[in-house]
Amino acid sequence: MNNLIYISVVSIAVISIINTYLIIAIIKKISKLNNDNNMRVLGRGIDAPNFNLHDLFNHSINLTNLANKKFIMILISPQCSSCKMNIPKIEEWNKFINNKNISSIVVSLGNKRETEIFASDLQINFPIYFPVDVNKFTDEYKIYGAPMYYFIDENAKIIFGSVMNAEWSDIYEIKEY
């Protein structure tokens, strides 16, 4: 009986030590990711990478189609609960930015089927696009989560980009442009 208790205590101690090392390793990894340049959005003045997007009706759009136009690219994901809850705000923003002669493009980071289900479930009544090559798109635009956005000027230069704040009020900061 004493041997069984001893073995149990030693086993718990070993498991605790292993867990501690795993937690330290995870913290170091997260710290490295947070300090990694790849976690930063594209900076002001950088040329916006070209993209190839399709809507649910197989219409395509790319950066060239938007030449000489300011636009906001709103990046959402079908798996993002904040994105789902805030879809009505996108319609509100569209009205706000259209008064400023700024276009908006809503880009789903899901594939076509995921985007169709997402749009249908939420009864989205504005165009929603998805990248032809989502990996290339997310790499080139340094997208590491959703929701995010980029504001791009008429010369296809990044004005600014960011992860959305909790209230999704960031886009109203474009009033100076």
N, C-alpha and C. Protein backbone atom coordinates (compact mmCIF):
# COMPACT_ATOMS: atom_id res chain seq x y z
N MET A 1 0.81 -1.19 0.00
CA MET A 1 0.00 0.00 0.00
C MET A 1 0.86 1.26 0.00
N ASN A 2 1.92 1.27 0.85
CA ASN A 2 2.81 2.42 0.92
C ASN A 2 3.52 2.63 -0.41
N ASN A 3 3.88 1.53 -1.08
CA ASN A 3 4.52 1.63 -2.40
C ASN A 3 3.60 2.28 -3.41
N LEU A 4 2.34 1.96 -3.36
CA LEU A 4 1.35 2.52 -4.28
C LEU A 4 1.20 4.03 -4.05
N ILE A 5 1.17 4.44 -2.80
CA ILE A 5 1.09 5.87 -2.48
C ILE A 5 2.35 6.58 -2.95
N TYR A 6 3.51 5.98 -2.69
CA TYR A 6 4.78 6.56 -3.11
C TYR A 6 4.81 6.73 -4.63
N ILE A 7 4.43 5.71 -5.36
CA ILE A 7 4.41 5.76 -6.83
C ILE A 7 3.44 6.84 -7.31
N SER A 8 2.30 6.96 -6.67
CA SER A 8 1.31 7.97 -7.04
C SER A 8 1.86 9.38 -6.82
N VAL A 9 2.49 9.60 -5.68
CA VAL A 9 3.05 10.91 -5.36
C VAL A 9 4.16 11.27 -6.35
N VAL A 10 5.04 10.33 -6.64
CA VAL A 10 6.13 10.56 -7.59
C VAL A 10 5.56 10.83 -8.98
N SER A 11 4.56 10.09 -9.39
CA SER A 11 3.94 10.29 -10.70
C SER A 11 3.33 11.68 -10.81
N ILE A 12 2.64 12.10 -9.78
CA ILE A 12 2.04 13.44 -9.79
C ILE A 12 3.13 14.51 -9.86
N ALA A 13 4.21 14.32 -9.13
CA ALA A 13 5.32 15.28 -9.14
C ALA A 13 5.94 15.37 -10.53
N VAL A 14 6.16 14.21 -11.17
CA VAL A 14 6.74 14.18 -12.52
C VAL A 14 5.82 14.88 -13.51
N ILE A 15 4.54 14.58 -13.43
CA ILE A 15 3.56 15.21 -14.33
C ILE A 15 3.54 16.72 -14.11
N SER A 16 3.61 17.15 -12.87
CA SER A 16 3.64 18.60 -12.56
C SER A 16 4.86 19.26 -13.17
N ILE A 17 6.01 18.61 -13.06
CA ILE A 17 7.24 19.16 -13.63
C ILE A 17 7.13 19.25 -15.15
N ILE A 18 6.62 18.21 -15.78
CA ILE A 18 6.45 18.21 -17.24
C ILE A 18 5.50 19.32 -17.65
N ASN A 19 4.39 19.47 -16.94
CA ASN A 19 3.43 20.54 -17.25
C ASN A 19 4.07 21.91 -17.12
N THR A 20 4.89 22.10 -16.10
CA THR A 20 5.57 23.37 -15.91
C THR A 20 6.48 23.67 -17.09
N TYR A 21 7.25 22.68 -17.54
CA TYR A 21 8.12 22.88 -18.70
C TYR A 21 7.31 23.18 -19.96
N LEU A 22 6.20 22.50 -20.14
CA LEU A 22 5.34 22.76 -21.30
C LEU A 22 4.77 24.17 -21.27
N ILE A 23 4.33 24.61 -20.11
CA ILE A 23 3.79 25.97 -19.97
C ILE A 23 4.87 27.00 -20.27
N ILE A 24 6.08 26.79 -19.77
CA ILE A 24 7.19 27.70 -20.06
C ILE A 24 7.48 27.73 -21.56
N ALA A 25 7.48 26.58 -22.20
CA ALA A 25 7.72 26.51 -23.64
C ALA A 25 6.64 27.26 -24.42
N ILE A 26 5.40 27.11 -24.00
CA ILE A 26 4.28 27.80 -24.67
C ILE A 26 4.41 29.31 -24.48
N ILE A 27 4.73 29.75 -23.28
CA ILE A 27 4.89 31.18 -23.02
C ILE A 27 6.03 31.75 -23.87
N LYS A 28 7.14 31.03 -23.98
CA LYS A 28 8.25 31.49 -24.81
C LYS A 28 7.84 31.58 -26.27
N LYS A 29 7.08 30.61 -26.74
CA LYS A 29 6.62 30.60 -28.14
C LYS A 29 5.69 31.78 -28.40
N ILE A 30 4.75 32.02 -27.49
CA ILE A 30 3.83 33.15 -27.66
C ILE A 30 4.60 34.45 -27.63
N SER A 31 5.54 34.57 -26.73
CA SER A 31 6.36 35.78 -26.64
C SER A 31 7.12 36.01 -27.94
N LYS A 32 7.69 34.95 -28.49
CA LYS A 32 8.42 35.06 -29.75
C LYS A 32 7.49 35.49 -30.86
N LEU A 33 6.29 34.91 -30.92
CA LEU A 33 5.32 35.29 -31.96
C LEU A 33 4.92 36.74 -31.82
N ASN A 34 4.70 37.21 -30.61
CA ASN A 34 4.29 38.60 -30.40
C ASN A 34 5.38 39.57 -30.79
N ASN A 35 6.63 39.16 -30.70
CA ASN A 35 7.75 40.03 -31.07
C ASN A 35 8.18 39.86 -32.51
N ASP A 36 7.62 38.89 -33.18
CA ASP A 36 7.99 38.57 -34.56
C ASP A 36 7.44 39.63 -35.50
N ASN A 37 8.24 40.09 -36.44
CA ASN A 37 7.78 41.08 -37.42
C ASN A 37 6.62 40.57 -38.26
N ASN A 38 6.48 39.28 -38.42
CA ASN A 38 5.39 38.74 -39.21
C ASN A 38 4.03 38.98 -38.56
N MET A 39 4.01 39.36 -37.29
CA MET A 39 2.75 39.60 -36.61
C MET A 39 2.28 41.04 -36.80
N ARG A 40 3.01 41.85 -37.50
CA ARG A 40 2.63 43.23 -37.72
C ARG A 40 1.92 43.36 -39.06
N VAL A 41 0.96 44.27 -39.12
CA VAL A 41 0.25 44.52 -40.37
C VAL A 41 1.17 45.27 -41.32
N LEU A 42 0.77 45.34 -42.57
CA LEU A 42 1.54 46.10 -43.55
C LEU A 42 1.55 47.57 -43.15
N GLY A 43 2.68 48.22 -43.28
CA GLY A 43 2.84 49.59 -42.82
C GLY A 43 2.42 50.64 -43.81
N ARG A 44 2.23 51.83 -43.29
CA ARG A 44 1.83 53.00 -44.08
C ARG A 44 2.81 53.24 -45.23
N GLY A 45 2.25 53.49 -46.41
CA GLY A 45 3.05 53.82 -47.57
C GLY A 45 3.54 52.63 -48.38
N ILE A 46 3.34 51.43 -47.87
CA ILE A 46 3.75 50.23 -48.59
C ILE A 46 2.76 49.97 -49.73
N ASP A 47 3.28 49.52 -50.88
CA ASP A 47 2.39 49.14 -51.97
C ASP A 47 1.52 47.97 -51.53
N ALA A 48 0.23 48.10 -51.75
CA ALA A 48 -0.69 47.00 -51.43
C ALA A 48 -0.41 45.84 -52.39
N PRO A 49 -0.27 44.64 -51.87
CA PRO A 49 -0.07 43.49 -52.76
C PRO A 49 -1.31 43.29 -53.65
N ASN A 50 -1.06 42.85 -54.87
CA ASN A 50 -2.20 42.55 -55.74
C ASN A 50 -2.95 41.36 -55.14
N PHE A 51 -4.20 41.25 -55.48
CA PHE A 51 -5.01 40.13 -54.99
C PHE A 51 -5.97 39.70 -56.07
N ASN A 52 -6.45 38.50 -55.94
CA ASN A 52 -7.44 37.96 -56.86
C ASN A 52 -8.57 37.40 -56.00
N LEU A 53 -9.70 38.09 -56.01
CA LEU A 53 -10.85 37.71 -55.19
C LEU A 53 -12.04 37.37 -56.08
N HIS A 54 -12.88 36.48 -55.59
CA HIS A 54 -14.12 36.13 -56.28
C HIS A 54 -15.28 36.33 -55.33
N ASP A 55 -16.44 36.72 -55.90
CA ASP A 55 -17.63 36.77 -55.07
C ASP A 55 -18.40 35.46 -55.25
N LEU A 56 -19.54 35.35 -54.63
CA LEU A 56 -20.29 34.10 -54.66
C LEU A 56 -20.95 33.84 -56.01
N PHE A 57 -20.90 34.83 -56.90
CA PHE A 57 -21.48 34.68 -58.24
C PHE A 57 -20.40 34.57 -59.30
N ASN A 58 -19.17 34.26 -58.87
CA ASN A 58 -18.00 34.06 -59.73
C ASN A 58 -17.52 35.32 -60.44
N HIS A 59 -17.89 36.50 -59.93
CA HIS A 59 -17.29 37.74 -60.42
C HIS A 59 -15.96 37.90 -59.71
N SER A 60 -14.99 38.41 -60.42
CA SER A 60 -13.68 38.57 -59.79
C SER A 60 -13.32 40.04 -59.67
N ILE A 61 -12.42 40.30 -58.76
CA ILE A 61 -11.92 41.65 -58.55
C ILE A 61 -10.46 41.53 -58.14
N ASN A 62 -9.67 42.52 -58.57
CA ASN A 62 -8.27 42.57 -58.15
C ASN A 62 -7.89 44.02 -57.92
N LEU A 63 -6.67 44.24 -57.49
CA LEU A 63 -6.24 45.59 -57.15
C LEU A 63 -6.32 46.53 -58.35
N THR A 64 -6.06 46.02 -59.54
CA THR A 64 -6.12 46.84 -60.75
C THR A 64 -7.53 47.38 -60.99
N ASN A 65 -8.55 46.57 -60.66
CA ASN A 65 -9.94 47.02 -60.82
C ASN A 65 -10.24 48.24 -59.95
N LEU A 66 -9.47 48.43 -58.91
CA LEU A 66 -9.72 49.51 -57.96
C LEU A 66 -8.77 50.68 -58.13
N ALA A 67 -8.12 50.74 -59.29
CA ALA A 67 -7.17 51.82 -59.56
C ALA A 67 -7.87 53.17 -59.38
N ASN A 68 -7.16 54.10 -58.78
CA ASN A 68 -7.64 55.46 -58.56
C ASN A 68 -8.81 55.56 -57.60
N LYS A 69 -8.99 54.54 -56.75
CA LYS A 69 -10.06 54.56 -55.75
C LYS A 69 -9.48 54.28 -54.38
N LYS A 70 -10.00 55.01 -53.39
CA LYS A 70 -9.70 54.68 -52.00
C LYS A 70 -10.67 53.58 -51.60
N PHE A 71 -10.17 52.61 -50.84
CA PHE A 71 -11.08 51.58 -50.37
C PHE A 71 -10.62 50.98 -49.05
N ILE A 72 -11.59 50.44 -48.36
CA ILE A 72 -11.33 49.69 -47.14
C ILE A 72 -11.58 48.24 -47.44
N MET A 73 -10.63 47.41 -47.10
CA MET A 73 -10.78 45.97 -47.23
C MET A 73 -11.02 45.43 -45.82
N ILE A 74 -12.24 44.94 -45.58
CA ILE A 74 -12.62 44.39 -44.29
C ILE A 74 -12.46 42.88 -44.36
N LEU A 75 -11.66 42.33 -43.48
CA LEU A 75 -11.32 40.91 -43.50
C LEU A 75 -12.04 40.20 -42.36
N ILE A 76 -12.88 39.24 -42.73
CA ILE A 76 -13.67 38.50 -41.75
C ILE A 76 -13.47 37.01 -41.96
N SER A 77 -13.95 36.22 -41.03
CA SER A 77 -13.84 34.77 -41.15
C SER A 77 -15.16 34.13 -40.75
N PRO A 78 -15.59 33.11 -41.50
CA PRO A 78 -16.82 32.40 -41.12
C PRO A 78 -16.74 31.77 -39.73
N GLN A 79 -15.54 31.53 -39.22
CA GLN A 79 -15.39 30.92 -37.90
C GLN A 79 -15.30 31.96 -36.78
N CYS A 80 -15.30 33.22 -37.11
CA CYS A 80 -15.10 34.30 -36.13
C CYS A 80 -16.43 34.74 -35.54
N SER A 81 -16.60 34.54 -34.24
CA SER A 81 -17.88 34.90 -33.61
C SER A 81 -18.06 36.42 -33.58
N SER A 82 -17.00 37.18 -33.40
CA SER A 82 -17.10 38.64 -33.43
C SER A 82 -17.52 39.11 -34.82
N CYS A 83 -17.01 38.45 -35.85
CA CYS A 83 -17.38 38.80 -37.22
C CYS A 83 -18.87 38.58 -37.43
N LYS A 84 -19.36 37.44 -36.98
CA LYS A 84 -20.78 37.11 -37.14
C LYS A 84 -21.66 38.13 -36.42
N MET A 85 -21.29 38.49 -35.21
CA MET A 85 -22.11 39.43 -34.43
C MET A 85 -22.11 40.83 -35.02
N ASN A 86 -21.05 41.20 -35.72
CA ASN A 86 -20.90 42.57 -36.18
C ASN A 86 -21.18 42.79 -37.66
N ILE A 87 -21.72 41.79 -38.32
CA ILE A 87 -22.07 41.97 -39.74
C ILE A 87 -22.96 43.20 -39.96
N PRO A 88 -23.96 43.48 -39.10
CA PRO A 88 -24.78 44.69 -39.32
C PRO A 88 -23.96 45.98 -39.35
N LYS A 89 -22.84 46.01 -38.64
CA LYS A 89 -22.01 47.22 -38.64
C LYS A 89 -21.39 47.47 -40.02
N ILE A 90 -21.17 46.41 -40.78
CA ILE A 90 -20.56 46.59 -42.10
C ILE A 90 -21.51 47.39 -42.98
N GLU A 91 -22.80 47.11 -42.93
CA GLU A 91 -23.76 47.90 -43.70
C GLU A 91 -23.74 49.36 -43.25
N GLU A 92 -23.65 49.58 -41.96
CA GLU A 92 -23.57 50.93 -41.40
C GLU A 92 -22.32 51.64 -41.92
N TRP A 93 -21.18 50.93 -41.92
CA TRP A 93 -19.93 51.51 -42.41
C TRP A 93 -20.04 51.84 -43.89
N ASN A 94 -20.67 50.95 -44.66
CA ASN A 94 -20.78 51.19 -46.09
C ASN A 94 -21.47 52.53 -46.35
N LYS A 95 -22.50 52.83 -45.60
CA LYS A 95 -23.18 54.13 -45.75
C LYS A 95 -22.24 55.26 -45.38
N PHE A 96 -21.53 55.09 -44.28
CA PHE A 96 -20.60 56.13 -43.81
C PHE A 96 -19.51 56.39 -44.83
N ILE A 97 -18.86 55.35 -45.32
CA ILE A 97 -17.72 55.57 -46.22
C ILE A 97 -18.15 55.94 -47.63
N ASN A 98 -19.34 55.50 -48.06
CA ASN A 98 -19.81 55.91 -49.39
C ASN A 98 -20.00 57.41 -49.46
N ASN A 99 -20.36 58.03 -48.35
CA ASN A 99 -20.48 59.49 -48.30
C ASN A 99 -19.12 60.16 -48.42
N LYS A 100 -18.06 59.42 -48.25
CA LYS A 100 -16.70 59.95 -48.36
C LYS A 100 -16.02 59.51 -49.66
N ASN A 101 -16.79 58.94 -50.58
CA ASN A 101 -16.25 58.42 -51.84
C ASN A 101 -15.16 57.38 -51.62
N ILE A 102 -15.42 56.52 -50.67
CA ILE A 102 -14.51 55.42 -50.38
C ILE A 102 -15.30 54.13 -50.59
N SER A 103 -14.70 53.18 -51.28
CA SER A 103 -15.35 51.89 -51.52
C SER A 103 -14.99 50.93 -50.39
N SER A 104 -15.77 49.88 -50.27
CA SER A 104 -15.41 48.84 -49.31
C SER A 104 -15.47 47.49 -49.99
N ILE A 105 -14.59 46.62 -49.55
CA ILE A 105 -14.56 45.24 -50.03
C ILE A 105 -14.55 44.37 -48.78
N VAL A 106 -15.52 43.50 -48.67
CA VAL A 106 -15.57 42.57 -47.55
C VAL A 106 -15.01 41.25 -48.04
N VAL A 107 -13.98 40.78 -47.36
CA VAL A 107 -13.28 39.56 -47.78
C VAL A 107 -13.41 38.51 -46.69
N SER A 108 -13.98 37.38 -47.06
CA SER A 108 -14.07 36.24 -46.16
C SER A 108 -12.78 35.44 -46.30
N LEU A 109 -12.24 35.02 -45.18
CA LEU A 109 -11.02 34.21 -45.20
C LEU A 109 -11.35 32.72 -45.30
N GLY A 110 -12.61 32.42 -45.56
CA GLY A 110 -13.03 31.03 -45.77
C GLY A 110 -13.03 30.70 -47.25
N ASN A 111 -13.24 29.43 -47.56
CA ASN A 111 -13.34 29.04 -48.96
C ASN A 111 -14.75 29.38 -49.47
N LYS A 112 -15.03 29.06 -50.73
CA LYS A 112 -16.31 29.44 -51.31
C LYS A 112 -17.48 28.83 -50.54
N ARG A 113 -17.41 27.55 -50.24
CA ARG A 113 -18.53 26.87 -49.55
C ARG A 113 -18.76 27.46 -48.16
N GLU A 114 -17.68 27.67 -47.40
CA GLU A 114 -17.80 28.27 -46.07
C GLU A 114 -18.41 29.68 -46.16
N THR A 115 -17.98 30.42 -47.17
CA THR A 115 -18.48 31.78 -47.36
C THR A 115 -19.95 31.77 -47.75
N GLU A 116 -20.36 30.83 -48.60
CA GLU A 116 -21.78 30.71 -48.98
C GLU A 116 -22.65 30.44 -47.75
N ILE A 117 -22.22 29.50 -46.93
CA ILE A 117 -22.98 29.16 -45.72
C ILE A 117 -23.03 30.36 -44.78
N PHE A 118 -21.90 31.00 -44.58
CA PHE A 118 -21.79 32.18 -43.73
C PHE A 118 -22.75 33.27 -44.20
N ALA A 119 -22.70 33.59 -45.50
CA ALA A 119 -23.55 34.65 -46.07
C ALA A 119 -25.03 34.28 -45.98
N SER A 120 -25.35 33.03 -46.22
CA SER A 120 -26.74 32.58 -46.16
C SER A 120 -27.27 32.60 -44.73
N ASP A 121 -26.51 32.05 -43.80
CA ASP A 121 -26.94 32.00 -42.40
C ASP A 121 -27.18 33.39 -41.82
N LEU A 122 -26.33 34.34 -42.22
CA LEU A 122 -26.42 35.70 -41.66
C LEU A 122 -27.22 36.64 -42.55
N GLN A 123 -27.75 36.12 -43.64
CA GLN A 123 -28.55 36.91 -44.59
C GLN A 123 -27.81 38.19 -45.02
N ILE A 124 -26.57 38.00 -45.41
CA ILE A 124 -25.74 39.12 -45.85
C ILE A 124 -26.24 39.61 -47.20
N ASN A 125 -26.47 40.92 -47.30
CA ASN A 125 -27.00 41.47 -48.55
C ASN A 125 -26.03 42.48 -49.18
N PHE A 126 -24.76 42.31 -48.97
CA PHE A 126 -23.74 43.09 -49.64
C PHE A 126 -22.74 42.10 -50.24
N PRO A 127 -21.99 42.53 -51.26
CA PRO A 127 -21.03 41.60 -51.87
C PRO A 127 -19.98 41.14 -50.86
N ILE A 128 -19.69 39.88 -50.89
CA ILE A 128 -18.65 39.32 -50.04
C ILE A 128 -17.75 38.48 -50.93
N TYR A 129 -16.46 38.70 -50.80
CA TYR A 129 -15.47 38.05 -51.64
C TYR A 129 -14.65 37.06 -50.83
N PHE A 130 -13.97 36.19 -51.56
CA PHE A 130 -13.03 35.27 -50.92
C PHE A 130 -11.82 35.14 -51.84
N PRO A 131 -10.63 34.94 -51.26
CA PRO A 131 -9.41 34.84 -52.07
C PRO A 131 -9.37 33.53 -52.85
N VAL A 132 -8.84 33.61 -54.05
CA VAL A 132 -8.63 32.40 -54.84
C VAL A 132 -7.60 31.52 -54.14
N ASP A 133 -6.55 32.14 -53.63
CA ASP A 133 -5.51 31.42 -52.88
C ASP A 133 -5.40 32.07 -51.50
N VAL A 134 -6.15 31.52 -50.54
CA VAL A 134 -6.23 32.13 -49.22
C VAL A 134 -4.87 32.17 -48.52
N ASN A 135 -4.04 31.17 -48.70
CA ASN A 135 -2.72 31.16 -48.05
C ASN A 135 -1.84 32.28 -48.58
N LYS A 136 -1.80 32.45 -49.88
CA LYS A 136 -1.01 33.52 -50.49
C LYS A 136 -1.54 34.88 -50.03
N PHE A 137 -2.86 35.03 -50.05
CA PHE A 137 -3.49 36.29 -49.65
C PHE A 137 -3.16 36.64 -48.20
N THR A 138 -3.33 35.68 -47.31
CA THR A 138 -3.07 35.96 -45.88
C THR A 138 -1.58 36.21 -45.62
N ASP A 139 -0.71 35.54 -46.35
CA ASP A 139 0.74 35.79 -46.21
C ASP A 139 1.10 37.19 -46.69
N GLU A 140 0.63 37.55 -47.88
CA GLU A 140 1.00 38.83 -48.47
C GLU A 140 0.43 40.02 -47.69
N TYR A 141 -0.75 39.85 -47.14
CA TYR A 141 -1.38 40.92 -46.38
C TYR A 141 -1.12 40.80 -44.87
N LYS A 142 -0.29 39.86 -44.48
CA LYS A 142 0.06 39.65 -43.06
C LYS A 142 -1.19 39.55 -42.19
N ILE A 143 -2.08 38.69 -42.61
CA ILE A 143 -3.32 38.48 -41.87
C ILE A 143 -3.10 37.31 -40.93
N TYR A 144 -3.24 37.57 -39.65
CA TYR A 144 -3.04 36.52 -38.66
C TYR A 144 -4.27 36.32 -37.79
N GLY A 145 -5.36 36.87 -38.21
CA GLY A 145 -6.61 36.70 -37.48
C GLY A 145 -7.69 37.57 -38.06
N ALA A 146 -8.88 37.37 -37.62
CA ALA A 146 -10.01 38.17 -38.07
C ALA A 146 -10.78 38.59 -36.83
N PRO A 147 -11.37 39.73 -36.89
CA PRO A 147 -11.49 40.67 -38.01
C PRO A 147 -10.28 41.62 -38.09
N MET A 148 -9.97 41.98 -39.31
CA MET A 148 -8.92 42.96 -39.59
C MET A 148 -9.42 43.87 -40.70
N TYR A 149 -8.68 44.94 -40.94
CA TYR A 149 -9.00 45.78 -42.08
C TYR A 149 -7.75 46.48 -42.57
N TYR A 150 -7.80 46.89 -43.83
CA TYR A 150 -6.78 47.74 -44.43
C TYR A 150 -7.49 48.88 -45.15
N PHE A 151 -6.94 50.07 -45.00
CA PHE A 151 -7.40 51.23 -45.74
C PHE A 151 -6.33 51.50 -46.79
N ILE A 152 -6.72 51.50 -48.06
CA ILE A 152 -5.78 51.59 -49.18
C ILE A 152 -6.16 52.81 -50.01
N ASP A 153 -5.16 53.62 -50.37
CA ASP A 153 -5.46 54.86 -51.08
C ASP A 153 -5.56 54.65 -52.59
N GLU A 154 -5.83 55.75 -53.30
CA GLU A 154 -6.04 55.70 -54.75
C GLU A 154 -4.78 55.33 -55.52
N ASN A 155 -3.63 55.34 -54.88
CA ASN A 155 -2.38 54.93 -55.52
C ASN A 155 -1.98 53.51 -55.13
N ALA A 156 -2.91 52.78 -54.54
CA ALA A 156 -2.70 51.40 -54.09
C ALA A 156 -1.62 51.31 -53.01
N LYS A 157 -1.56 52.32 -52.16
CA LYS A 157 -0.63 52.34 -51.02
C LYS A 157 -1.44 52.11 -49.75
N ILE A 158 -0.84 51.39 -48.83
CA ILE A 158 -1.49 51.16 -47.54
C ILE A 158 -1.49 52.48 -46.76
N ILE A 159 -2.66 52.92 -46.32
CA ILE A 159 -2.74 54.08 -45.44
C ILE A 159 -2.61 53.58 -44.00
N PHE A 160 -3.39 52.59 -43.63
CA PHE A 160 -3.21 51.91 -42.36
C PHE A 160 -4.00 50.61 -42.36
N GLY A 161 -3.66 49.76 -41.43
CA GLY A 161 -4.35 48.50 -41.25
C GLY A 161 -4.26 48.10 -39.80
N SER A 162 -5.20 47.29 -39.39
CA SER A 162 -5.23 46.90 -37.99
C SER A 162 -6.17 45.73 -37.77
N VAL A 163 -6.01 45.11 -36.63
CA VAL A 163 -7.02 44.19 -36.13
C VAL A 163 -8.13 45.07 -35.59
N MET A 164 -9.38 44.70 -35.80
CA MET A 164 -10.50 45.49 -35.30
C MET A 164 -10.49 45.52 -33.79
N ASN A 165 -10.90 46.66 -33.23
CA ASN A 165 -11.05 46.71 -31.78
C ASN A 165 -12.36 46.01 -31.40
N ALA A 166 -12.57 45.82 -30.14
CA ALA A 166 -13.72 45.05 -29.67
C ALA A 166 -15.05 45.67 -30.09
N GLU A 167 -15.10 46.97 -30.23
CA GLU A 167 -16.36 47.63 -30.61
C GLU A 167 -16.50 47.77 -32.12
N TRP A 168 -15.48 47.42 -32.85
CA TRP A 168 -15.46 47.56 -34.31
C TRP A 168 -15.66 49.02 -34.72
N SER A 169 -15.16 49.95 -33.93
CA SER A 169 -15.36 51.36 -34.24
C SER A 169 -14.17 51.96 -34.99
N ASP A 170 -13.14 51.16 -35.21
CA ASP A 170 -11.90 51.64 -35.83
C ASP A 170 -12.13 52.37 -37.15
N ILE A 171 -13.02 51.85 -37.96
CA ILE A 171 -13.16 52.36 -39.32
C ILE A 171 -13.60 53.82 -39.33
N TYR A 172 -14.28 54.25 -38.29
CA TYR A 172 -14.71 55.65 -38.24
C TYR A 172 -13.52 56.60 -38.11
N GLU A 173 -12.34 56.07 -37.81
CA GLU A 173 -11.15 56.90 -37.71
C GLU A 173 -10.65 57.39 -39.05
N ILE A 174 -11.27 56.96 -40.14
CA ILE A 174 -10.83 57.40 -41.47
C ILE A 174 -11.32 58.79 -41.83
N LYS A 175 -12.06 59.43 -40.93
CA LYS A 175 -12.67 60.71 -41.24
C LYS A 175 -11.67 61.76 -41.74
N GLU A 176 -10.40 61.61 -41.37
CA GLU A 176 -9.41 62.59 -41.81
C GLU A 176 -8.97 62.38 -43.26
N TYR A 177 -9.37 61.27 -43.84
CA TYR A 177 -8.97 60.99 -45.21
C TYR A 177 -10.09 61.32 -46.13
